[in-house]
Amino acid sequence: MDILKRPKQKSPAPIDDHYKNSWNNTNSYSETPKQTKAEDDISNVTTLEELLEYKQHVGSLIQTSDQAKGTVKKKLFWFSAIIFIFAILFAGGFFIHQTNNTINQITDSDKKHSFIKTVTSLANPKSYKKLNGFSDGRINILLLGRANTHKSGKDLTDTIMMLSVNTIDYNIGLFSIPRDFLVETHSNASVQKSSYVKINSRYQTGLRNDEGAKYIINSVETLTAQDIHYYFVLDFEGFKKIINLLGGINIDVPHHIKDERYPGPGYSYETFEVYPGLQKFDGATALKYARTRHDAEGDFGRAARQQQVMQSARNKAFSLGTIVNPLKINELLKVLGNHVHTDISPDEIEPFISLVKKLDTHNITNIVIDAWKPGSLLISARYYSDHGGISGLVPRSGNYIEIQEQADNLFDLNKIQKRKDELKRESAKIVLINTTGDAQITNNVKKTLTSLGFENITISRVFYEQQQKTTVADYSGGTKNFTLDELLKKLPAQKNTLSETIFNNVDFVILLGDDIVDTYAFTEISQEELEQENTN
């Protein structure tokens, strides 16, 4: 329910201004100026009943009783941000010159924005059908969030998300990739052996090499096996300026937060502390409130706060005090020009706005590839190479197949569940034989197969001559095809045509070859170890 459109109660008792103002906490980070009905959500509250309803509504935005709810809110933060930016561009249509300049600034396209084409696109409500990916049934947009401060890590993208639009039924899917995910890279074309870096560094490396978003797009496309049609970078510094231009936002803080390790200037830390109650935040405080991680609710609390901040900012932007203020709209357009970056061409802005109007924003499918929970596709691990060691998150299966399966079935996750049900029904008996010289590989593979749902796995110490390729021999008589297909894809392996086996009552025998050593050559570490290394 939108707090600006809630139903009015019949003959309510008026609320005393002193009671309303008592909600503001004196320990707030920013001064609370006198509020006006035209500009601030809380000023629309005139009765005690409405005040209680307001608090209940905002409070509902920050409940994080389970992981799924927090995940959805984190993703809605970024989806709302895109709609918010497109809406400002649309509202700025009345300021033709500045709007044209802004659109031309934020896009990488060589094309220049034309107001005539803008009008033509708006007159054609189906112009979005010309967008890249539409005819294939799916548009994929890479969303990146960066700090853009004066620190060395200003272009690290700690938010990495693929937003997908199903162009058949206009559903939305969101696919989140953690910043600590390790991806392969080559330092130059002559280097054959891969090294690993965290995926959040790929955008920064691309900028340094004058390649823009090319590197991180390539990494995400390899990871998901999906084409990325567009990318969109949101600058946190720009977000702070937008909040300040709006005159601040009202936030009802649910509980005391004290973060003594909030990143400060350079490589320092500072303390961020905020107390419960209804408060008015400026841009800097709103950003800290949205990004701090060190409270009782962790990342899920942060996700809820981000959605709460974006909801308040969106309401403020669409308030009468903003829409009818030409100077404010003009300043907002200037900020967008300096702090938003995308490869969406100028002539595609209006088709995107038309597409957004058709999207079902109430039913959003979301996937987060994470670690440390039952069913997680990732584990925390450490890799060693000639350049030293690096720790991060890697696929539990040693390859991207599971992740690609999730990305491909983003709009129909039931397919994956049906496959799991079939594997459980087949209940195959599997024997592992290690023909390599690496004793650790067998245990790593067994652990991976167990995480995939296989329960009857035996490690055999029988000697077998060294194999170059990993193979799977089927002794089930062709009765367990789901298991065979899963093993061939997920290990990965080739099918072996062995005609006999020394094992009794077995369905599959897997010979681990040299080709699988690099895939499983990691040392698994705990969540605590990874977090400690990230802190140091």
Protein backbone atom coordinates (compact mmCIF):
# COMPACT_ATOMS: atom_id res chain seq x y z
CA MET A 1 0.00 0.00 0.00
CA ASP A 2 1.36 3.42 -0.94
CA ILE A 3 1.36 5.66 2.12
CA LEU A 4 0.44 8.64 -0.03
CA LYS A 5 -2.75 6.90 -1.23
CA ARG A 6 -4.01 5.18 1.89
CA PRO A 7 -7.79 5.34 2.58
CA LYS A 8 -8.93 8.06 4.93
CA GLN A 9 -10.66 7.03 8.13
CA LYS A 10 -13.98 8.53 9.04
CA SER A 11 -13.83 11.57 11.39
CA PRO A 12 -10.49 10.71 13.02
CA ALA A 13 -9.23 12.55 16.05
CA PRO A 14 -6.60 15.14 15.08
CA ILE A 15 -3.07 14.45 16.18
CA ASP A 16 -1.13 16.94 18.22
CA ASP A 17 2.00 18.35 16.52
CA HIS A 18 4.02 17.74 19.67
CA TYR A 19 3.16 14.02 19.54
CA LYS A 20 4.20 13.81 15.87
CA ASN A 21 7.47 15.68 16.44
CA SER A 22 8.34 13.49 19.42
CA TRP A 23 9.05 10.70 16.95
CA ASN A 24 12.13 12.55 15.71
CA ASN A 25 15.26 11.50 17.56
CA THR A 26 17.70 14.13 18.73
CA ASN A 27 20.59 11.80 17.91
CA SER A 28 19.77 11.84 14.19
CA TYR A 29 22.68 12.45 11.84
CA SER A 30 21.02 15.42 10.16
CA GLU A 31 19.00 18.35 11.35
CA THR A 32 15.24 17.96 10.96
CA PRO A 33 13.89 21.08 9.27
CA LYS A 34 10.27 22.08 9.32
CA GLN A 35 8.33 19.73 7.06
CA THR A 36 5.80 20.78 4.46
CA LYS A 37 2.82 18.85 3.24
CA ALA A 38 3.89 19.24 -0.36
CA GLU A 39 7.28 17.68 0.07
CA ASP A 40 7.39 15.12 2.91
CA ASP A 41 5.53 11.86 3.43
CA ILE A 42 5.17 12.29 7.21
CA SER A 43 3.58 15.70 6.78
CA ASN A 44 0.61 14.00 5.14
CA VAL A 45 -0.13 12.40 8.52
CA THR A 46 -2.77 14.41 10.39
CA THR A 47 -4.31 11.97 12.87
CA LEU A 48 -3.10 9.54 15.49
CA GLU A 49 -4.65 6.66 13.56
CA GLU A 50 -2.78 7.72 10.40
CA LEU A 51 0.47 8.08 12.35
CA LEU A 52 0.14 4.53 13.67
CA GLU A 53 -0.72 3.33 10.18
CA TYR A 54 2.31 5.15 8.77
CA LYS A 55 4.63 3.57 11.34
CA GLN A 56 3.14 0.13 10.71
CA HIS A 57 3.56 0.54 6.95
CA VAL A 58 7.18 1.67 7.09
CA GLY A 59 7.92 -0.96 9.73
CA SER A 60 6.67 -3.63 7.37
CA LEU A 61 9.36 -2.61 4.89
CA ILE A 62 12.13 -3.55 7.30
CA GLN A 63 10.96 -6.90 8.58
CA THR A 64 13.36 -9.64 7.57
CA SER A 65 11.97 -12.81 9.09
CA ASP A 66 13.52 -15.02 6.44
CA GLN A 67 16.15 -14.98 3.74
CA ALA A 68 13.80 -14.81 0.79
CA LYS A 69 12.15 -11.63 2.00
CA GLY A 70 15.46 -9.88 2.51
CA THR A 71 16.69 -11.01 -0.90
CA VAL A 72 13.63 -9.66 -2.70
CA LYS A 73 13.94 -6.29 -0.98
CA LYS A 74 17.62 -5.96 -1.84
CA LYS A 75 16.84 -6.58 -5.47
CA LEU A 76 13.81 -4.33 -5.50
CA PHE A 77 16.15 -1.56 -4.33
CA TRP A 78 18.06 -1.72 -7.60
CA PHE A 79 15.01 -2.31 -9.77
CA SER A 80 13.32 0.69 -8.13
CA ALA A 81 16.45 2.72 -8.74
CA ILE A 82 16.22 2.15 -12.49
CA ILE A 83 12.54 3.08 -12.59
CA PHE A 84 13.36 6.12 -10.45
CA ILE A 85 16.04 7.31 -12.90
CA PHE A 86 13.92 6.65 -15.99
CA ALA A 87 11.06 8.56 -14.35
CA ILE A 88 13.26 11.62 -13.77
CA LEU A 89 14.33 11.52 -17.42
CA PHE A 90 10.69 11.26 -18.44
CA ALA A 91 9.64 14.12 -16.16
CA GLY A 92 12.54 16.15 -17.50
CA GLY A 93 11.06 15.97 -20.98
CA PHE A 94 9.76 19.48 -20.39
CA PHE A 95 13.37 20.68 -20.13
CA ILE A 96 14.33 19.50 -23.59
CA HIS A 97 17.87 20.83 -23.77
CA GLN A 98 19.03 19.54 -20.37
CA THR A 99 17.28 16.20 -20.85
CA ASN A 100 19.02 15.69 -24.20
CA ASN A 101 22.38 16.56 -22.63
CA THR A 102 21.78 14.17 -19.72
CA ILE A 103 20.78 11.24 -21.92
CA ASN A 104 23.78 11.80 -24.18
CA GLN A 105 26.07 11.96 -21.11
CA ILE A 106 24.97 8.74 -19.44
CA THR A 107 25.11 6.55 -22.56
CA ASP A 108 28.09 4.99 -24.32
CA SER A 109 26.33 5.04 -27.67
CA ASP A 110 27.74 7.07 -30.54
CA LYS A 111 24.19 8.11 -31.39
CA LYS A 112 22.94 11.48 -30.21
CA HIS A 113 19.59 11.93 -28.56
CA SER A 114 16.93 13.53 -30.73
CA PHE A 115 13.83 15.17 -29.29
CA ILE A 116 11.94 14.40 -32.51
CA LYS A 117 12.72 10.70 -32.07
CA THR A 118 11.67 10.99 -28.42
CA VAL A 119 8.24 12.23 -29.41
CA THR A 120 8.01 9.54 -32.11
CA SER A 121 8.89 6.81 -29.60
CA LEU A 122 6.36 8.06 -27.05
CA ALA A 123 3.70 8.14 -29.76
CA ASN A 124 4.45 4.49 -30.51
CA PRO A 125 3.59 2.53 -27.32
CA LYS A 126 5.13 -0.66 -28.75
CA SER A 127 8.51 0.86 -29.59
CA TYR A 128 10.06 -1.38 -26.91
CA LYS A 129 9.75 -4.34 -29.28
CA LYS A 130 12.86 -3.06 -31.07
CA LEU A 131 15.00 -3.41 -27.93
CA ASN A 132 17.85 -5.92 -28.03
CA GLY A 133 16.74 -9.37 -26.91
CA PHE A 134 13.01 -8.70 -27.22
CA SER A 135 12.51 -10.99 -30.22
CA ASP A 136 14.43 -13.77 -28.39
CA GLY A 137 11.95 -13.68 -25.53
CA ARG A 138 14.32 -12.26 -22.91
CA ILE A 139 16.13 -8.97 -22.27
CA ASN A 140 19.09 -9.17 -19.87
CA ILE A 141 20.42 -6.02 -18.19
CA LEU A 142 23.55 -6.10 -16.03
CA LEU A 143 23.13 -3.83 -12.99
CA LEU A 144 26.30 -2.62 -11.28
CA GLY A 145 26.65 -0.52 -8.13
CA ARG A 146 29.96 1.22 -7.41
CA ALA A 147 31.20 3.58 -4.72
CA ASN A 148 32.98 6.17 -6.94
CA THR A 149 34.77 7.76 -4.00
CA HIS A 150 38.36 8.96 -4.03
CA LYS A 151 39.62 5.62 -2.69
CA SER A 152 41.59 3.12 -4.77
CA GLY A 153 38.57 0.80 -4.93
CA LYS A 154 36.19 3.43 -6.25
CA ASP A 155 35.24 1.38 -9.32
CA LEU A 156 34.81 -1.97 -7.58
CA THR A 157 31.25 -3.13 -8.20
CA ASP A 158 30.02 -4.57 -4.92
CA THR A 159 26.53 -4.94 -6.39
CA ILE A 160 26.32 -7.24 -9.44
CA MET A 161 22.93 -8.32 -10.66
CA MET A 162 21.35 -9.52 -13.90
CA LEU A 163 17.85 -8.17 -14.40
CA SER A 164 15.89 -10.23 -16.93
CA VAL A 165 12.61 -9.31 -18.60
CA ASN A 166 10.48 -12.11 -20.02
CA THR A 167 9.11 -10.47 -23.17
CA ILE A 168 6.37 -13.08 -23.52
CA ASP A 169 4.44 -12.38 -20.31
CA TYR A 170 6.46 -9.37 -19.05
CA ASN A 171 7.60 -11.04 -15.83
CA ILE A 172 10.82 -9.92 -14.14
CA GLY A 173 13.68 -12.07 -12.90
CA LEU A 174 16.64 -10.97 -10.81
CA PHE A 175 19.86 -12.97 -10.56
CA SER A 176 22.42 -11.81 -7.98
CA ILE A 177 26.13 -12.60 -8.11
CA PRO A 178 28.22 -12.08 -4.94
CA ARG A 179 31.15 -9.67 -5.15
CA ASP A 180 33.61 -12.30 -3.83
CA PHE A 181 32.90 -14.76 -6.66
CA LEU A 182 36.19 -15.87 -8.23
CA VAL A 183 36.46 -15.79 -12.04
CA GLU A 184 39.26 -16.85 -14.35
CA THR A 185 41.35 -14.31 -16.19
CA HIS A 186 44.49 -14.21 -18.31
CA SER A 187 47.02 -11.43 -17.73
CA ASN A 188 47.77 -11.41 -21.46
CA ALA A 189 47.11 -13.45 -24.60
CA SER A 190 50.36 -15.42 -24.28
CA VAL A 191 49.51 -16.76 -20.83
CA GLN A 192 47.90 -20.17 -21.09
CA LYS A 193 47.25 -20.90 -17.42
CA SER A 194 44.38 -19.07 -15.79
CA SER A 195 44.61 -16.99 -12.66
CA TYR A 196 41.68 -15.95 -10.49
CA VAL A 197 40.30 -12.56 -9.47
CA LYS A 198 37.15 -11.45 -7.67
CA ILE A 199 34.39 -10.57 -10.08
CA ASN A 200 33.84 -7.15 -8.48
CA SER A 201 37.23 -6.05 -9.88
CA ARG A 202 36.41 -6.74 -13.52
CA TYR A 203 34.66 -3.41 -14.19
CA GLN A 204 37.54 -1.50 -12.62
CA THR A 205 40.08 -3.41 -14.74
CA GLY A 206 38.03 -2.70 -17.85
CA LEU A 207 38.07 1.03 -17.15
CA ARG A 208 41.84 1.00 -16.62
CA ASN A 209 42.32 -0.70 -19.98
CA ASP A 210 39.83 1.56 -21.78
CA GLU A 211 37.46 -1.37 -22.28
CA GLY A 212 34.61 -0.05 -20.12
CA ALA A 213 32.25 -2.79 -18.98
CA LYS A 214 33.53 -5.35 -21.49
CA TYR A 215 35.44 -7.52 -18.98
CA ILE A 216 32.68 -7.83 -16.42
CA ILE A 217 30.07 -8.43 -19.13
CA ASN A 218 32.23 -11.24 -20.52
CA SER A 219 32.61 -12.74 -17.04
CA VAL A 220 28.88 -12.65 -16.35
CA GLU A 221 28.04 -14.07 -19.78
CA THR A 222 30.47 -16.95 -19.19
CA LEU A 223 29.13 -17.53 -15.71
CA THR A 224 25.43 -17.53 -16.66
CA ALA A 225 25.57 -18.61 -20.34
CA GLN A 226 23.24 -15.68 -21.04
CA ASP A 227 23.69 -12.79 -23.45
CA ILE A 228 23.90 -9.42 -21.70
CA HIS A 229 22.04 -6.92 -23.87
CA TYR A 230 22.59 -3.79 -21.76
CA TYR A 231 24.42 -2.65 -18.65
CA PHE A 232 23.63 0.04 -16.12
CA VAL A 233 26.03 1.50 -13.51
CA LEU A 234 24.69 3.38 -10.50
CA ASP A 235 27.05 5.70 -8.66
CA PHE A 236 26.55 5.93 -4.87
CA GLU A 237 27.94 9.48 -4.79
CA GLY A 238 25.23 10.50 -7.23
CA PHE A 239 22.64 8.87 -5.03
CA LYS A 240 23.75 11.03 -2.09
CA LYS A 241 23.43 14.17 -4.19
CA ILE A 242 19.95 13.18 -5.35
CA ILE A 243 18.78 12.72 -1.75
CA ASN A 244 20.16 16.12 -0.83
CA LEU A 245 18.47 17.76 -3.82
CA LEU A 246 15.19 16.23 -2.68
CA GLY A 247 15.67 17.89 0.69
CA GLY A 248 16.37 14.68 2.56
CA ILE A 249 14.10 11.72 3.25
CA ASN A 250 12.11 10.52 6.26
CA ILE A 251 13.09 7.13 7.69
CA ASP A 252 11.57 5.29 10.65
CA VAL A 253 14.60 3.48 12.13
CA PRO A 254 13.42 0.22 13.75
CA HIS A 255 16.31 -0.37 16.15
CA HIS A 256 19.65 0.96 17.32
CA ILE A 257 22.52 0.43 14.84
CA LYS A 258 26.18 0.92 15.68
CA ASP A 259 28.77 0.05 13.06
CA GLU A 260 32.32 0.74 14.24
CA ARG A 261 33.88 -0.50 10.99
CA TYR A 262 32.05 1.57 8.40
CA PRO A 263 34.54 2.43 5.61
CA GLY A 264 35.93 5.95 6.02
CA PRO A 265 38.24 8.13 3.93
CA GLY A 266 41.21 6.32 2.40
CA TYR A 267 41.61 2.97 4.13
CA SER A 268 40.26 4.10 7.50
CA TYR A 269 37.16 3.14 9.43
CA GLU A 270 34.61 5.32 11.17
CA THR A 271 31.68 4.72 13.48
CA PHE A 272 28.18 4.98 12.11
CA GLU A 273 25.48 5.05 14.76
CA VAL A 274 21.77 5.75 14.50
CA TYR A 275 18.97 5.42 17.05
CA PRO A 276 15.39 4.16 16.73
CA GLY A 277 12.63 6.53 15.70
CA LEU A 278 11.31 8.59 12.83
CA GLN A 279 14.12 10.77 11.48
CA LYS A 280 15.11 12.87 8.51
CA PHE A 281 18.31 11.82 6.74
CA ASP A 282 20.49 13.77 4.36
CA GLY A 283 22.21 12.01 1.45
CA ALA A 284 25.34 10.92 3.33
CA THR A 285 23.39 9.48 6.25
CA ALA A 286 20.85 7.77 3.99
CA LEU A 287 23.67 6.05 2.09
CA LYS A 288 25.36 4.89 5.29
CA TYR A 289 22.04 3.64 6.63
CA ALA A 290 21.44 1.68 3.42
CA ARG A 291 24.95 0.21 3.14
CA THR A 292 26.01 -0.64 6.70
CA ARG A 293 26.26 -4.39 7.26
CA HIS A 294 27.29 -4.71 10.89
CA ASP A 295 24.03 -5.02 12.78
CA ALA A 296 22.05 -7.93 14.22
CA GLU A 297 20.30 -8.66 10.90
CA GLY A 298 23.41 -8.63 8.69
CA ASP A 299 22.94 -8.56 4.93
CA PHE A 300 19.21 -9.20 5.19
CA GLY A 301 18.73 -6.12 7.35
CA ARG A 302 20.77 -4.11 4.86
CA ALA A 303 18.54 -5.33 2.02
CA ALA A 304 15.45 -4.17 3.89
CA ARG A 305 16.96 -0.77 4.68
CA GLN A 306 17.91 -0.25 1.04
CA GLN A 307 14.34 -0.85 -0.03
CA GLN A 308 13.09 1.46 2.72
CA VAL A 309 15.42 4.26 1.58
CA MET A 310 14.49 3.84 -2.08
CA GLN A 311 10.77 3.81 -1.28
CA SER A 312 11.08 7.08 0.60
CA ALA A 313 13.26 8.66 -2.13
CA ARG A 314 10.85 7.60 -4.85
CA ASN A 315 7.86 9.06 -2.98
CA LYS A 316 9.76 12.28 -2.40
CA ALA A 317 10.79 12.54 -6.06
CA PHE A 318 7.19 12.17 -7.21
CA SER A 319 5.82 14.65 -4.68
CA LEU A 320 4.27 17.89 -5.93
CA GLY A 321 7.14 19.89 -4.44
CA THR A 322 9.58 18.18 -6.81
CA ILE A 323 7.57 17.73 -10.00
CA VAL A 324 6.51 21.39 -10.25
CA ASN A 325 9.97 22.74 -9.40
CA PRO A 326 11.87 23.31 -12.67
CA LEU A 327 15.13 24.20 -10.93
CA LYS A 328 15.07 20.99 -8.91
CA ILE A 329 14.31 18.83 -11.96
CA ASN A 330 17.13 20.56 -13.83
CA GLU A 331 19.60 19.87 -11.00
CA LEU A 332 18.49 16.23 -10.79
CA LEU A 333 19.15 15.82 -14.51
CA LYS A 334 22.66 17.24 -14.08
CA VAL A 335 23.40 14.76 -11.28
CA LEU A 336 22.22 11.85 -13.40
CA GLY A 337 24.48 13.00 -16.21
CA ASN A 338 27.53 12.88 -13.95
CA HIS A 339 26.82 9.75 -11.92
CA VAL A 340 24.91 7.23 -14.07
CA HIS A 341 26.46 5.23 -16.89
CA THR A 342 24.87 2.82 -19.38
CA ASP A 343 25.15 1.49 -22.91
CA ILE A 344 21.42 1.98 -23.45
CA SER A 345 21.38 4.30 -26.45
CA PRO A 346 19.59 7.66 -26.28
CA ASP A 347 16.88 6.47 -28.66
CA GLU A 348 16.21 3.45 -26.42
CA ILE A 349 15.45 5.42 -23.24
CA GLU A 350 11.82 6.09 -24.18
CA PRO A 351 11.19 2.48 -25.36
CA PHE A 352 12.51 1.33 -21.99
CA ILE A 353 10.09 3.64 -20.20
CA SER A 354 7.25 2.18 -22.29
CA LEU A 355 8.41 -1.34 -21.42
CA VAL A 356 8.55 -0.57 -17.69
CA LYS A 357 4.86 0.38 -17.79
CA LYS A 358 3.98 -3.16 -18.92
CA LEU A 359 6.09 -5.07 -16.40
CA ASP A 360 4.57 -7.10 -13.58
CA THR A 361 6.49 -5.63 -10.63
CA HIS A 362 4.42 -7.50 -8.03
CA ASN A 363 5.68 -10.99 -8.92
CA ILE A 364 9.45 -10.94 -9.22
CA THR A 365 11.40 -14.18 -9.53
CA ASN A 366 14.73 -13.92 -7.76
CA ILE A 367 17.80 -16.07 -7.43
CA VAL A 368 20.86 -15.42 -5.30
CA ILE A 369 23.82 -17.72 -5.82
CA ASP A 370 25.22 -17.93 -2.31
CA ALA A 371 27.17 -20.08 0.12
CA TRP A 372 27.01 -21.59 3.62
CA LYS A 373 23.37 -22.67 3.51
CA PRO A 374 21.74 -26.00 2.61
CA GLY A 375 21.42 -26.15 -1.16
CA SER A 376 23.87 -23.28 -1.78
CA LEU A 377 25.64 -23.50 -5.14
CA LEU A 378 28.85 -21.90 -3.85
CA ILE A 379 31.49 -22.69 -1.27
CA SER A 380 34.25 -20.51 0.17
CA ALA A 381 37.66 -21.67 -0.96
CA ARG A 382 41.26 -20.70 -1.52
CA TYR A 383 43.15 -21.14 -4.79
CA TYR A 384 46.93 -21.17 -5.14
CA SER A 385 48.88 -20.22 -8.26
CA ASP A 386 52.29 -18.92 -9.33
CA HIS A 387 51.05 -15.46 -8.35
CA GLY A 388 50.10 -16.50 -4.81
CA GLY A 389 46.80 -17.43 -3.20
CA ILE A 390 43.36 -15.87 -3.37
CA SER A 391 40.23 -16.64 -1.37
CA GLY A 392 36.64 -16.20 -2.43
CA LEU A 393 33.50 -18.02 -3.51
CA VAL A 394 33.58 -20.79 -6.12
CA PRO A 395 31.01 -23.24 -7.53
CA ARG A 396 30.57 -26.30 -5.35
CA SER A 397 30.63 -28.46 -8.50
CA GLY A 398 33.90 -26.94 -9.76
CA ASN A 399 32.21 -25.55 -12.90
CA TYR A 400 29.43 -23.19 -13.92
CA ILE A 401 26.87 -25.80 -15.03
CA GLU A 402 24.60 -25.49 -11.97
CA ILE A 403 24.71 -21.70 -12.09
CA GLN A 404 23.91 -21.66 -15.80
CA GLU A 405 21.01 -24.02 -15.17
CA GLN A 406 19.59 -21.61 -12.59
CA ALA A 407 20.03 -18.62 -14.89
CA ASP A 408 18.44 -20.42 -17.85
CA ASN A 409 15.40 -21.49 -15.81
CA LEU A 410 14.99 -18.19 -14.01
CA PHE A 411 11.33 -18.01 -15.02
CA ASP A 412 10.60 -21.72 -14.45
CA LEU A 413 12.48 -23.07 -11.44
CA ASN A 414 10.11 -26.05 -11.27
CA LYS A 415 12.17 -27.73 -14.02
CA ILE A 416 15.17 -27.91 -11.71
CA GLN A 417 13.10 -29.29 -8.84
CA LYS A 418 11.57 -32.00 -11.06
CA ARG A 419 15.04 -33.10 -12.07
CA LYS A 420 16.10 -33.35 -8.43
CA ASP A 421 13.03 -35.44 -7.67
CA GLU A 422 13.93 -37.86 -10.48
CA LEU A 423 17.51 -38.23 -9.20
CA LYS A 424 16.22 -39.04 -5.75
CA ARG A 425 13.82 -41.61 -7.18
CA GLU A 426 16.61 -43.36 -9.12
CA SER A 427 18.82 -43.54 -5.99
CA ALA A 428 21.87 -44.66 -7.97
CA LYS A 429 24.83 -46.50 -6.43
CA ILE A 430 28.12 -44.86 -7.48
CA VAL A 431 31.78 -45.94 -7.16
CA LEU A 432 34.65 -43.42 -7.43
CA ILE A 433 38.14 -44.48 -8.56
CA ASN A 434 40.96 -41.92 -8.54
CA THR A 435 43.50 -42.53 -11.31
CA THR A 436 45.34 -39.23 -10.73
CA GLY A 437 48.22 -38.56 -8.39
CA ASP A 438 46.20 -36.08 -6.33
CA ALA A 439 44.69 -37.80 -3.31
CA GLN A 440 42.57 -34.77 -2.37
CA ILE A 441 40.52 -34.88 -5.57
CA THR A 442 38.47 -37.94 -4.60
CA ASN A 443 37.11 -36.38 -1.42
CA ASN A 444 36.35 -33.10 -3.19
CA VAL A 445 34.40 -34.89 -5.92
CA LYS A 446 32.50 -37.01 -3.40
CA LYS A 447 31.53 -33.91 -1.45
CA THR A 448 30.31 -32.27 -4.65
CA LEU A 449 28.22 -35.28 -5.65
CA THR A 450 26.72 -35.42 -2.16
CA SER A 451 25.72 -31.74 -2.44
CA LEU A 452 24.03 -32.57 -5.75
CA GLY A 453 21.80 -35.07 -3.99
CA PHE A 454 23.63 -38.37 -4.54
CA GLU A 455 23.66 -40.45 -1.37
CA ASN A 456 25.12 -43.88 -2.27
CA ILE A 457 28.76 -43.05 -3.07
CA THR A 458 31.70 -45.38 -2.39
CA ILE A 459 35.39 -44.55 -2.80
CA SER A 460 37.37 -47.52 -4.11
CA ARG A 461 41.11 -47.89 -3.52
CA VAL A 462 41.52 -50.33 -6.39
CA PHE A 463 44.50 -49.56 -8.61
CA TYR A 464 43.72 -48.35 -12.09
CA GLU A 465 46.06 -47.03 -14.76
CA GLN A 466 46.22 -43.25 -15.04
CA GLN A 467 43.53 -41.71 -17.24
CA GLN A 468 43.65 -38.38 -19.06
CA LYS A 469 39.88 -38.00 -19.23
CA THR A 470 37.26 -38.47 -16.51
CA THR A 471 34.73 -41.09 -17.55
CA VAL A 472 31.46 -42.58 -16.32
CA ALA A 473 30.57 -46.23 -17.00
CA ASP A 474 26.86 -47.09 -16.86
CA TYR A 475 25.96 -50.48 -15.36
CA SER A 476 22.32 -49.65 -14.65
CA GLY A 477 21.10 -51.18 -17.87
CA GLY A 478 19.90 -47.80 -19.09
CA THR A 479 17.34 -47.48 -16.27
CA LYS A 480 18.82 -44.40 -14.60
CA ASN A 481 19.20 -41.86 -17.36
CA PHE A 482 18.67 -38.78 -15.19
CA THR A 483 21.63 -39.79 -13.02
CA LEU A 484 23.84 -40.48 -16.04
CA ASP A 485 23.02 -37.13 -17.61
CA GLU A 486 23.65 -35.33 -14.31
CA LEU A 487 27.05 -36.96 -13.83
CA LEU A 488 28.20 -36.24 -17.39
CA LYS A 489 27.19 -32.57 -17.12
CA LYS A 490 28.12 -31.69 -13.57
CA LEU A 491 31.50 -33.42 -13.11
CA PRO A 492 31.97 -33.00 -16.16
CA ALA A 493 32.85 -36.37 -17.73
CA GLN A 494 32.62 -38.54 -20.82
CA LYS A 495 30.63 -41.76 -21.13
CA ASN A 496 32.72 -44.92 -20.88
CA THR A 497 31.75 -48.09 -22.71
CA LEU A 498 33.35 -50.58 -20.29
CA SER A 499 31.63 -53.95 -20.69
CA GLU A 500 32.32 -55.43 -17.26
CA THR A 501 33.08 -54.43 -13.68
CA ILE A 502 34.62 -56.04 -10.61
CA PHE A 503 32.00 -54.38 -8.41
CA ASN A 504 28.73 -55.99 -7.42
CA ASN A 505 25.41 -54.19 -7.21
CA VAL A 506 26.66 -50.89 -8.63
CA ASP A 507 25.02 -48.55 -11.15
CA PHE A 508 27.91 -46.27 -12.16
CA VAL A 509 31.70 -46.37 -11.93
CA ILE A 510 33.52 -43.03 -12.26
CA LEU A 511 37.20 -42.96 -13.21
CA LEU A 512 38.68 -39.60 -12.19
CA GLY A 513 41.19 -38.44 -14.82
CA ASP A 514 43.84 -35.73 -14.99
CA ASP A 515 41.42 -33.32 -16.71
CA ILE A 516 39.45 -32.90 -13.50
CA VAL A 517 42.39 -32.01 -11.23
CA ASP A 518 42.37 -28.26 -11.96
CA THR A 519 38.59 -28.14 -11.63
CA TYR A 520 38.68 -29.40 -8.06
CA ALA A 521 42.11 -28.05 -7.05
CA PHE A 522 40.87 -25.77 -4.27
CA THR A 523 41.10 -25.77 -0.52
CA GLU A 524 37.73 -25.21 1.11
CA ILE A 525 37.71 -22.68 3.94
CA SER A 526 35.05 -21.56 6.41
CA GLN A 527 32.84 -18.50 6.23
CA GLU A 528 34.73 -17.02 9.18
CA GLU A 529 38.10 -17.49 7.44
CA LEU A 530 36.88 -15.78 4.28
CA GLU A 531 35.37 -12.85 6.17
CA GLN A 532 38.56 -12.47 8.19
CA GLU A 533 40.69 -12.38 5.04
CA ASN A 534 38.35 -9.79 3.49
CA THR A 535 38.72 -7.61 6.58
CA ASN A 536 42.53 -7.72 6.58
